[in-house]
C-alpha cells in the first residue's frame, strides 16, 4: 500500500511517498508560489514520477501545513504539529522535544515515546526567527541563503542583533554592514538571535529527552550550532529536514489504511 504526505508550507510545498514497510521511496520539494493548491498538485505529480507510479497506485493521501485544507484530492487533513511529531519519531524514537522552523512560523513540540504530541507552542504572529527572517537578513548582507551556516563558522567576535522584528533587524544589519562589521560576525549574530528565540519557545513546552530539529531552517548549520550552544545540548538533525512533516503525514496515512483494513 502506497501513501503520500503533502506539506503545504508558506514558502515551499513538500511531498513524501511511503510504502507499507514504512520506507520513504521518494520525496519532492517545490516553491509554493501564489497558489498552494497548484503547488500541491505539482509536487504530487513529481513525487509519483520519481517513484515511477501513478495516482492509481496511491491508497491514501494526507495533507498538512497551513494550506492543507486547499488540497481537494486528499483523504485527510492534519496539523503540521502532529505530522512533524510522527515524522521525527519515525527517524529517531529517542527524540522527545522538537523544534520546527518554517518560512513564517516556528513550533516547539514535545512528544511521548510513541510520537504522540504531549505539548506544543507556536510563534505564528511574527516572521522574526523564521525562514523569512533569514532570507531578509541574508539579502541585506549580500550572502546567499544556503551559505549562511558556512559563513558564520568563520566568525571571530559576537555581534548582538538587538531588534527582533524582521523589518527593524534588516535595518540594523544594513547599518552594521555600512560601518564595516565583518560579515561572518553579523551572520553569527543573526543566528544567535534566532537561537535565543527558539530556545525560549522550547522551554515553554518543558524540554525533555533528545532534542531534534526539523523544517527548512534546520539545513542552516549556523542556526543549529547556535541553538546547541543556547540549550547546552546536541541537536539531532535528519537528512532533508524540510520533508519531515510530509513524511509524518504519509506515515499517518499508513496507519489509517492499516486500521481501515484490519
C-alpha atoms as a PDB file:
ATOM      1  CA  UNK A   1       0.000   0.000   0.000  1.00  0.00           C
ATOM      2  CA  UNK A   2       1.374   3.372  -1.057  1.00  0.00           C
ATOM      3  CA  UNK A   3       0.554   6.552   0.869  1.00  0.00           C
ATOM      4  CA  UNK A   4       1.553  10.143   0.165  1.00  0.00           C
ATOM      5  CA  UNK A   5       2.034  13.017   2.588  1.00  0.00           C
ATOM      6  CA  UNK A   6       1.952  16.594   1.297  1.00  0.00           C
ATOM      7  CA  UNK A   7       3.072  19.509   3.476  1.00  0.00           C
ATOM      8  CA  UNK A   8       1.830  22.803   2.061  1.00  0.00           C
ATOM      9  CA  UNK A   9       4.014  25.487   3.648  1.00  0.00           C
ATOM     10  CA  UNK A  10       4.134  29.232   3.170  1.00  0.00           C
ATOM     11  CA  UNK A  11       7.390  29.183   1.185  1.00  0.00           C
ATOM     12  CA  UNK A  12       7.673  25.600  -0.061  1.00  0.00           C
ATOM     13  CA  UNK A  13       5.440  22.587  -0.537  1.00  0.00           C
ATOM     14  CA  UNK A  14       6.850  19.149   0.174  1.00  0.00           C
ATOM     15  CA  UNK A  15       5.724  15.604  -0.584  1.00  0.00           C
ATOM     16  CA  UNK A  16       6.803  12.139   0.540  1.00  0.00           C
ATOM     17  CA  UNK A  17       5.770   8.744  -0.776  1.00  0.00           C
ATOM     18  CA  UNK A  18       5.821   5.779   1.631  1.00  0.00           C
ATOM     19  CA  UNK A  19       5.235   2.034   1.243  1.00  0.00           C
ATOM     20  CA  UNK A  20       3.748  -0.343   3.807  1.00  0.00           C
ATOM     21  CA  UNK A  21       7.219  -1.167   5.154  1.00  0.00           C
ATOM     22  CA  UNK A  22       7.337   2.487   6.230  1.00  0.00           C
ATOM     23  CA  UNK A  23      10.091   3.209   3.736  1.00  0.00           C
ATOM     24  CA  UNK A  24      10.200   6.631   2.086  1.00  0.00           C
ATOM     25  CA  UNK A  25      10.680   5.746  -1.557  1.00  0.00           C
ATOM     26  CA  UNK A  26      10.542   9.280  -2.983  1.00  0.00           C
ATOM     27  CA  UNK A  27      10.254  12.898  -1.847  1.00  0.00           C
ATOM     28  CA  UNK A  28       9.964  16.258  -3.539  1.00  0.00           C
ATOM     29  CA  UNK A  29      10.097  19.983  -2.747  1.00  0.00           C
ATOM     30  CA  UNK A  30       8.687  22.875  -4.804  1.00  0.00           C
ATOM     31  CA  UNK A  31       8.210  26.566  -4.139  1.00  0.00           C
ATOM     32  CA  UNK A  32       4.644  27.263  -3.047  1.00  0.00           C
ATOM     33  CA  UNK A  33       4.310  30.483  -5.003  1.00  0.00           C
ATOM     34  CA  UNK A  34       0.973  32.238  -5.231  1.00  0.00           C
ATOM     35  CA  UNK A  35      -1.291  29.182  -5.395  1.00  0.00           C
ATOM     36  CA  UNK A  36      -0.775  26.486  -2.796  1.00  0.00           C
ATOM     37  CA  UNK A  37      -3.275  24.175  -4.489  1.00  0.00           C
ATOM     38  CA  UNK A  38      -1.226  24.252  -7.702  1.00  0.00           C
ATOM     39  CA  UNK A  39       1.980  23.662  -5.720  1.00  0.00           C
ATOM     40  CA  UNK A  40       0.415  20.590  -4.097  1.00  0.00           C
ATOM     41  CA  UNK A  41      -0.613  19.250  -7.498  1.00  0.00           C
ATOM     42  CA  UNK A  42       2.883  19.857  -8.871  1.00  0.00           C
ATOM     43  CA  UNK A  43       4.785  18.145  -6.073  1.00  0.00           C
ATOM     44  CA  UNK A  44       2.298  15.247  -6.082  1.00  0.00           C
ATOM     45  CA  UNK A  45       2.911  14.593  -9.768  1.00  0.00           C
ATOM     46  CA  UNK A  46       6.674  14.987  -9.373  1.00  0.00           C
ATOM     47  CA  UNK A  47       6.992  12.603  -6.434  1.00  0.00           C
ATOM     48  CA  UNK A  48       4.954   9.999  -8.309  1.00  0.00           C
ATOM     49  CA  UNK A  49       7.158  10.417 -11.377  1.00  0.00           C
ATOM     50  CA  UNK A  50      10.283   9.939  -9.274  1.00  0.00           C
ATOM     51  CA  UNK A  51       8.878   6.645  -7.965  1.00  0.00           C
ATOM     52  CA  UNK A  52       7.577   5.518 -11.362  1.00  0.00           C
ATOM     53  CA  UNK A  53       3.991   5.433 -10.104  1.00  0.00           C
ATOM     54  CA  UNK A  54       0.628   6.996 -10.928  1.00  0.00           C
ATOM     55  CA  UNK A  55      -2.224   8.264  -8.782  1.00  0.00           C
ATOM     56  CA  UNK A  56      -3.966   4.931  -9.225  1.00  0.00           C
ATOM     57  CA  UNK A  57      -1.154   3.318  -7.218  1.00  0.00           C
ATOM     58  CA  UNK A  58      -1.795   5.544  -4.186  1.00  0.00           C
ATOM     59  CA  UNK A  59      -4.134   4.306  -1.474  1.00  0.00           C
ATOM     60  CA  UNK A  60      -4.265   7.338   0.800  1.00  0.00           C
ATOM     61  CA  UNK A  61      -3.190  10.991   0.778  1.00  0.00           C
ATOM     62  CA  UNK A  62      -2.720  13.096   3.926  1.00  0.00           C
ATOM     63  CA  UNK A  63      -2.058  16.829   3.740  1.00  0.00           C
ATOM     64  CA  UNK A  64      -0.584  19.091   6.371  1.00  0.00           C
ATOM     65  CA  UNK A  65       0.769  22.633   6.631  1.00  0.00           C
ATOM     66  CA  UNK A  66      -1.034  25.941   6.528  1.00  0.00           C
ATOM     67  CA  UNK A  67      -2.513  25.288   3.070  1.00  0.00           C
ATOM     68  CA  UNK A  68      -3.635  21.717   3.737  1.00  0.00           C
ATOM     69  CA  UNK A  69      -7.364  22.427   3.502  1.00  0.00           C
ATOM     70  CA  UNK A  70      -6.976  23.656  -0.080  1.00  0.00           C
ATOM     71  CA  UNK A  71      -5.849  20.253  -1.362  1.00  0.00           C
ATOM     72  CA  UNK A  72      -9.130  18.773  -2.530  1.00  0.00           C
ATOM     73  CA  UNK A  73      -7.794  15.358  -3.568  1.00  0.00           C
ATOM     74  CA  UNK A  74      -6.573  14.500  -0.050  1.00  0.00           C
ATOM     75  CA  UNK A  75      -8.245  11.859   2.103  1.00  0.00           C
ATOM     76  CA  UNK A  76      -7.336  13.602   5.355  1.00  0.00           C
ATOM     77  CA  UNK A  77      -6.016  16.980   6.582  1.00  0.00           C
ATOM     78  CA  UNK A  78      -3.896  17.121   9.742  1.00  0.00           C
ATOM     79  CA  UNK A  79      -1.960  19.687  11.756  1.00  0.00           C
ATOM     80  CA  UNK A  80       1.733  20.012  10.939  1.00  0.00           C
ATOM     81  CA  UNK A  81       2.448  19.694  14.668  1.00  0.00           C
ATOM     82  CA  UNK A  82       1.086  16.150  14.660  1.00  0.00           C
ATOM     83  CA  UNK A  83       2.859  15.275  11.413  1.00  0.00           C
ATOM     84  CA  UNK A  84       6.271  16.619  12.443  1.00  0.00           C
ATOM     85  CA  UNK A  85       5.936  14.732  15.717  1.00  0.00           C
ATOM     86  CA  UNK A  86       5.443  11.405  13.975  1.00  0.00           C
ATOM     87  CA  UNK A  87       7.926  12.240  11.237  1.00  0.00           C
ATOM     88  CA  UNK A  88      10.710  12.851  13.746  1.00  0.00           C
ATOM     89  CA  UNK A  89       9.733   9.890  15.932  1.00  0.00           C
ATOM     90  CA  UNK A  90       9.890   7.607  12.911  1.00  0.00           C
ATOM     91  CA  UNK A  91      13.512   8.522  12.177  1.00  0.00           C
ATOM     92  CA  UNK A  92      14.685   8.614  15.812  1.00  0.00           C
ATOM     93  CA  UNK A  93      12.451   7.228  18.605  1.00  0.00           C
ATOM     94  CA  UNK A  94      14.732   8.792  21.242  1.00  0.00           C
ATOM     95  CA  UNK A  95      13.563  12.305  20.322  1.00  0.00           C
ATOM     96  CA  UNK A  96      11.125  13.843  22.787  1.00  0.00           C
ATOM     97  CA  UNK A  97      11.454  17.559  22.010  1.00  0.00           C
ATOM     98  CA  UNK A  98      11.238  19.047  18.515  1.00  0.00           C
ATOM     99  CA  UNK A  99      11.896  22.492  17.093  1.00  0.00           C
ATOM    100  CA  UNK A 100      10.371  23.053  13.671  1.00  0.00           C
ATOM    101  CA  UNK A 101      11.204  26.344  11.976  1.00  0.00           C
ATOM    102  CA  UNK A 102       9.456  27.069   8.714  1.00  0.00           C
ATOM    103  CA  UNK A 103       9.256  30.098   6.486  1.00  0.00           C
ATOM    104  CA  UNK A 104       6.821  32.178   8.527  1.00  0.00           C
ATOM    105  CA  UNK A 105       6.434  30.434  11.881  1.00  0.00           C
ATOM    106  CA  UNK A 106       8.174  28.189  14.374  1.00  0.00           C
ATOM    107  CA  UNK A 107       6.902  25.438  16.641  1.00  0.00           C
ATOM    108  CA  UNK A 108       8.155  23.740  19.782  1.00  0.00           C
ATOM    109  CA  UNK A 109       6.731  20.247  20.209  1.00  0.00           C
ATOM    110  CA  UNK A 110       7.097  17.674  22.978  1.00  0.00           C
ATOM    111  CA  UNK A 111       6.154  14.094  22.125  1.00  0.00           C
ATOM    112  CA  UNK A 112       5.843  10.849  24.078  1.00  0.00           C
ATOM    113  CA  UNK A 113       7.577   7.529  23.423  1.00  0.00           C
ATOM    114  CA  UNK A 114       5.063   6.725  20.673  1.00  0.00           C
ATOM    115  CA  UNK A 115       5.362  10.044  18.801  1.00  0.00           C
ATOM    116  CA  UNK A 116       2.101  11.482  20.106  1.00  0.00           C
ATOM    117  CA  UNK A 117       2.074  15.200  20.902  1.00  0.00           C
ATOM    118  CA  UNK A 118       2.097  15.970  24.637  1.00  0.00           C
ATOM    119  CA  UNK A 119       2.589  19.735  24.455  1.00  0.00           C
ATOM    120  CA  UNK A 120       3.349  22.411  21.891  1.00  0.00           C
ATOM    121  CA  UNK A 121       3.853  26.140  21.468  1.00  0.00           C
ATOM    122  CA  UNK A 122       3.895  28.267  18.326  1.00  0.00           C
ATOM    123  CA  UNK A 123       5.270  31.580  17.151  1.00  0.00           C
ATOM    124  CA  UNK A 124       2.962  32.387  14.254  1.00  0.00           C
ATOM    125  CA  UNK A 125       2.434  36.103  14.882  1.00  0.00           C
ATOM    126  CA  UNK A 126       5.759  37.350  13.536  1.00  0.00           C
ATOM    127  CA  UNK A 127       8.312  36.132  10.992  1.00  0.00           C
ATOM    128  CA  UNK A 128      11.222  37.003  13.311  1.00  0.00           C
ATOM    129  CA  UNK A 129      13.333  33.944  13.978  1.00  0.00           C
ATOM    130  CA  UNK A 130      11.915  32.075  10.966  1.00  0.00           C
ATOM    131  CA  UNK A 131      12.988  31.354   7.412  1.00  0.00           C
ATOM    132  CA  UNK A 132      11.752  34.720   6.168  1.00  0.00           C
ATOM    133  CA  UNK A 133      13.929  36.442   8.775  1.00  0.00           C
ATOM    134  CA  UNK A 134      16.976  34.622   7.402  1.00  0.00           C
ATOM    135  CA  UNK A 135      16.065  35.472   3.814  1.00  0.00           C
ATOM    136  CA  UNK A 136      15.702  39.176   4.549  1.00  0.00           C
ATOM    137  CA  UNK A 137      18.926  39.492   6.555  1.00  0.00           C
ATOM    138  CA  UNK A 138      20.896  37.364   4.067  1.00  0.00           C
ATOM    139  CA  UNK A 139      19.840  39.710   1.277  1.00  0.00           C
ATOM    140  CA  UNK A 140      20.878  42.708   3.360  1.00  0.00           C
ATOM    141  CA  UNK A 141      24.342  41.198   3.817  1.00  0.00           C
ATOM    142  CA  UNK A 142      24.695  40.038   0.218  1.00  0.00           C
ATOM    143  CA  UNK A 143      25.201  36.426   1.312  1.00  0.00           C
ATOM    144  CA  UNK A 144      23.454  33.516  -0.467  1.00  0.00           C
ATOM    145  CA  UNK A 145      20.926  31.918   1.876  1.00  0.00           C
ATOM    146  CA  UNK A 146      22.425  28.452   1.583  1.00  0.00           C
ATOM    147  CA  UNK A 147      25.888  29.740   2.561  1.00  0.00           C
ATOM    148  CA  UNK A 148      24.936  31.409   5.860  1.00  0.00           C
ATOM    149  CA  UNK A 149      25.935  28.432   8.007  1.00  0.00           C
ATOM    150  CA  UNK A 150      29.387  28.177   6.458  1.00  0.00           C
ATOM    151  CA  UNK A 151      29.968  31.924   6.672  1.00  0.00           C
ATOM    152  CA  UNK A 152      29.045  32.115  10.366  1.00  0.00           C
ATOM    153  CA  UNK A 153      31.606  29.405  11.169  1.00  0.00           C
ATOM    154  CA  UNK A 154      34.348  31.964  10.399  1.00  0.00           C
ATOM    155  CA  UNK A 155      33.127  34.493  12.960  1.00  0.00           C
ATOM    156  CA  UNK A 156      35.752  35.815  15.407  1.00  0.00           C
ATOM    157  CA  UNK A 157      33.542  38.068  17.527  1.00  0.00           C
ATOM    158  CA  UNK A 158      29.974  38.115  18.777  1.00  0.00           C
ATOM    159  CA  UNK A 159      27.709  40.824  17.354  1.00  0.00           C
ATOM    160  CA  UNK A 160      24.352  41.224  19.046  1.00  0.00           C
ATOM    161  CA  UNK A 161      21.292  41.824  16.875  1.00  0.00           C
ATOM    162  CA  UNK A 162      19.052  43.747  19.260  1.00  0.00           C
ATOM    163  CA  UNK A 163      15.931  44.022  17.097  1.00  0.00           C
ATOM    164  CA  UNK A 164      13.614  41.016  16.982  1.00  0.00           C
ATOM    165  CA  UNK A 165      11.304  42.483  14.340  1.00  0.00           C
ATOM    166  CA  UNK A 166      12.307  41.353  10.836  1.00  0.00           C
ATOM    167  CA  UNK A 167      11.924  44.842   9.351  1.00  0.00           C
ATOM    168  CA  UNK A 168      13.987  46.590  12.030  1.00  0.00           C
ATOM    169  CA  UNK A 169      16.551  43.772  12.127  1.00  0.00           C
ATOM    170  CA  UNK A 170      17.154  44.273   8.405  1.00  0.00           C
ATOM    171  CA  UNK A 171      17.843  47.961   9.049  1.00  0.00           C
ATOM    172  CA  UNK A 172      20.199  47.049  11.879  1.00  0.00           C
ATOM    173  CA  UNK A 173      22.071  44.570   9.674  1.00  0.00           C
ATOM    174  CA  UNK A 174      22.405  47.151   6.886  1.00  0.00           C
ATOM    175  CA  UNK A 175      23.861  49.615   9.416  1.00  0.00           C
ATOM    176  CA  UNK A 176      26.374  47.043  10.663  1.00  0.00           C
ATOM    177  CA  UNK A 177      27.472  46.308   7.093  1.00  0.00           C
ATOM    178  CA  UNK A 178      27.817  50.040   6.401  1.00  0.00           C
ATOM    179  CA  UNK A 179      30.243  50.576   9.287  1.00  0.00           C
ATOM    180  CA  UNK A 180      32.422  47.669   8.185  1.00  0.00           C
ATOM    181  CA  UNK A 181      31.429  44.996  10.693  1.00  0.00           C
ATOM    182  CA  UNK A 182      32.767  41.643   9.423  1.00  0.00           C
ATOM    183  CA  UNK A 183      30.008  39.720   7.634  1.00  0.00           C
ATOM    184  CA  UNK A 184      30.699  36.421   9.477  1.00  0.00           C
ATOM    185  CA  UNK A 185      30.191  38.208  12.808  1.00  0.00           C
ATOM    186  CA  UNK A 186      26.882  39.689  11.649  1.00  0.00           C
ATOM    187  CA  UNK A 187      25.684  36.316  10.358  1.00  0.00           C
ATOM    188  CA  UNK A 188      26.575  34.724  13.666  1.00  0.00           C
ATOM    189  CA  UNK A 189      24.655  37.462  15.449  1.00  0.00           C
ATOM    190  CA  UNK A 190      21.600  36.723  13.319  1.00  0.00           C
ATOM    191  CA  UNK A 191      21.884  33.027  14.118  1.00  0.00           C
ATOM    192  CA  UNK A 192      22.256  33.732  17.833  1.00  0.00           C
ATOM    193  CA  UNK A 193      19.141  35.906  17.712  1.00  0.00           C
ATOM    194  CA  UNK A 194      17.136  33.102  16.115  1.00  0.00           C
ATOM    195  CA  UNK A 195      18.525  30.543  18.575  1.00  0.00           C
ATOM    196  CA  UNK A 196      17.617  32.691  21.584  1.00  0.00           C
ATOM    197  CA  UNK A 197      14.004  32.982  20.434  1.00  0.00           C
ATOM    198  CA  UNK A 198      13.853  29.273  19.630  1.00  0.00           C
ATOM    199  CA  UNK A 199      15.302  28.259  22.999  1.00  0.00           C
ATOM    200  CA  UNK A 200      12.734  30.407  24.775  1.00  0.00           C
ATOM    201  CA  UNK A 201       9.929  28.802  22.771  1.00  0.00           C
ATOM    202  CA  UNK A 202      11.233  25.303  23.513  1.00  0.00           C
ATOM    203  CA  UNK A 203      11.369  25.982  27.248  1.00  0.00           C
ATOM    204  CA  UNK A 204       7.648  26.799  27.267  1.00  0.00           C
ATOM    205  CA  UNK A 205       6.863  23.144  26.442  1.00  0.00           C
ATOM    206  CA  UNK A 206       9.396  21.822  29.007  1.00  0.00           C
ATOM    207  CA  UNK A 207      12.394  20.324  27.223  1.00  0.00           C
ATOM    208  CA  UNK A 208      12.911  16.610  27.835  1.00  0.00           C
ATOM    209  CA  UNK A 209      14.882  13.795  26.208  1.00  0.00           C
ATOM    210  CA  UNK A 210      16.704  14.145  22.924  1.00  0.00           C
ATOM    211  CA  UNK A 211      16.131  17.410  21.045  1.00  0.00           C
ATOM    212  CA  UNK A 212      15.543  17.226  17.304  1.00  0.00           C
ATOM    213  CA  UNK A 213      15.144  19.934  14.676  1.00  0.00           C
ATOM    214  CA  UNK A 214      13.040  19.783  11.519  1.00  0.00           C
ATOM    215  CA  UNK A 215      11.924  22.292   8.910  1.00  0.00           C
ATOM    216  CA  UNK A 216      13.955  24.106   6.277  1.00  0.00           C
ATOM    217  CA  UNK A 217      15.951  26.232   8.739  1.00  0.00           C
ATOM    218  CA  UNK A 218      17.483  23.010  10.126  1.00  0.00           C
ATOM    219  CA  UNK A 219      19.593  22.991   6.941  1.00  0.00           C
ATOM    220  CA  UNK A 220      21.425  26.047   8.298  1.00  0.00           C
ATOM    221  CA  UNK A 221      24.334  24.672  10.306  1.00  0.00           C
ATOM    222  CA  UNK A 222      24.923  28.066  11.940  1.00  0.00           C
ATOM    223  CA  UNK A 223      21.448  28.121  13.478  1.00  0.00           C
ATOM    224  CA  UNK A 224      21.882  24.526  14.668  1.00  0.00           C
ATOM    225  CA  UNK A 225      25.213  25.387  16.315  1.00  0.00           C
ATOM    226  CA  UNK A 226      23.756  28.482  17.949  1.00  0.00           C
ATOM    227  CA  UNK A 227      20.778  26.520  19.288  1.00  0.00           C
ATOM    228  CA  UNK A 228      23.034  23.784  20.652  1.00  0.00           C
ATOM    229  CA  UNK A 229      25.069  26.459  22.470  1.00  0.00           C
ATOM    230  CA  UNK A 230      21.929  28.136  23.820  1.00  0.00           C
ATOM    231  CA  UNK A 231      20.485  24.873  25.157  1.00  0.00           C
ATOM    232  CA  UNK A 232      23.822  23.282  26.117  1.00  0.00           C
ATOM    233  CA  UNK A 233      22.864  20.076  24.335  1.00  0.00           C
ATOM    234  CA  UNK A 234      23.327  18.336  20.997  1.00  0.00           C
ATOM    235  CA  UNK A 235      20.670  18.909  18.358  1.00  0.00           C
ATOM    236  CA  UNK A 236      19.628  15.975  16.180  1.00  0.00           C
ATOM    237  CA  UNK A 237      19.077  16.996  12.552  1.00  0.00           C
ATOM    238  CA  UNK A 238      17.865  14.500   9.965  1.00  0.00           C
ATOM    239  CA  UNK A 239      18.615  14.466   6.253  1.00  0.00           C
ATOM    240  CA  UNK A 240      16.080  16.521   4.287  1.00  0.00           C
ATOM    241  CA  UNK A 241      14.545  18.020   7.446  1.00  0.00           C
ATOM    242  CA  UNK A 242      12.145  20.147   5.417  1.00  0.00           C
ATOM    243  CA  UNK A 243      10.306  16.959   4.318  1.00  0.00           C
ATOM    244  CA  UNK A 244       9.719  15.624   7.853  1.00  0.00           C
ATOM    245  CA  UNK A 245       6.145  16.924   8.017  1.00  0.00           C
ATOM    246  CA  UNK A 246       5.282  15.252   4.719  1.00  0.00           C
ATOM    247  CA  UNK A 247       6.873  12.013   5.904  1.00  0.00           C
ATOM    248  CA  UNK A 248       4.868  12.147   9.113  1.00  0.00           C
ATOM    249  CA  UNK A 249       1.710  12.711   7.060  1.00  0.00           C
ATOM    250  CA  UNK A 250       2.496   9.694   4.861  1.00  0.00           C
ATOM    251  CA  UNK A 251       3.116   7.609   7.989  1.00  0.00           C
ATOM    252  CA  UNK A 252      -0.273   8.587   9.410  1.00  0.00           C
ATOM    253  CA  UNK A 253      -1.757   7.571   6.068  1.00  0.00           C
ATOM    254  CA  UNK A 254      -0.247   4.114   6.523  1.00  0.00           C
ATOM    255  CA  UNK A 255      -1.858   3.859   9.973  1.00  0.00           C
ATOM    256  CA  UNK A 256      -5.203   4.957   8.580  1.00  0.00           C
ATOM    257  CA  UNK A 257      -5.068   2.285   5.886  1.00  0.00           C
ATOM    258  CA  UNK A 258      -3.971  -0.380   8.369  1.00  0.00           C
ATOM    259  CA  UNK A 259      -6.846   0.389  10.748  1.00  0.00           C
ATOM    260  CA  UNK A 260      -9.329   0.504   7.862  1.00  0.00           C
ATOM    261  CA  UNK A 261      -8.222  -2.861   6.518  1.00  0.00           C
ATOM    262  CA  UNK A 262      -7.931  -4.564   9.908  1.00  0.00           C
END
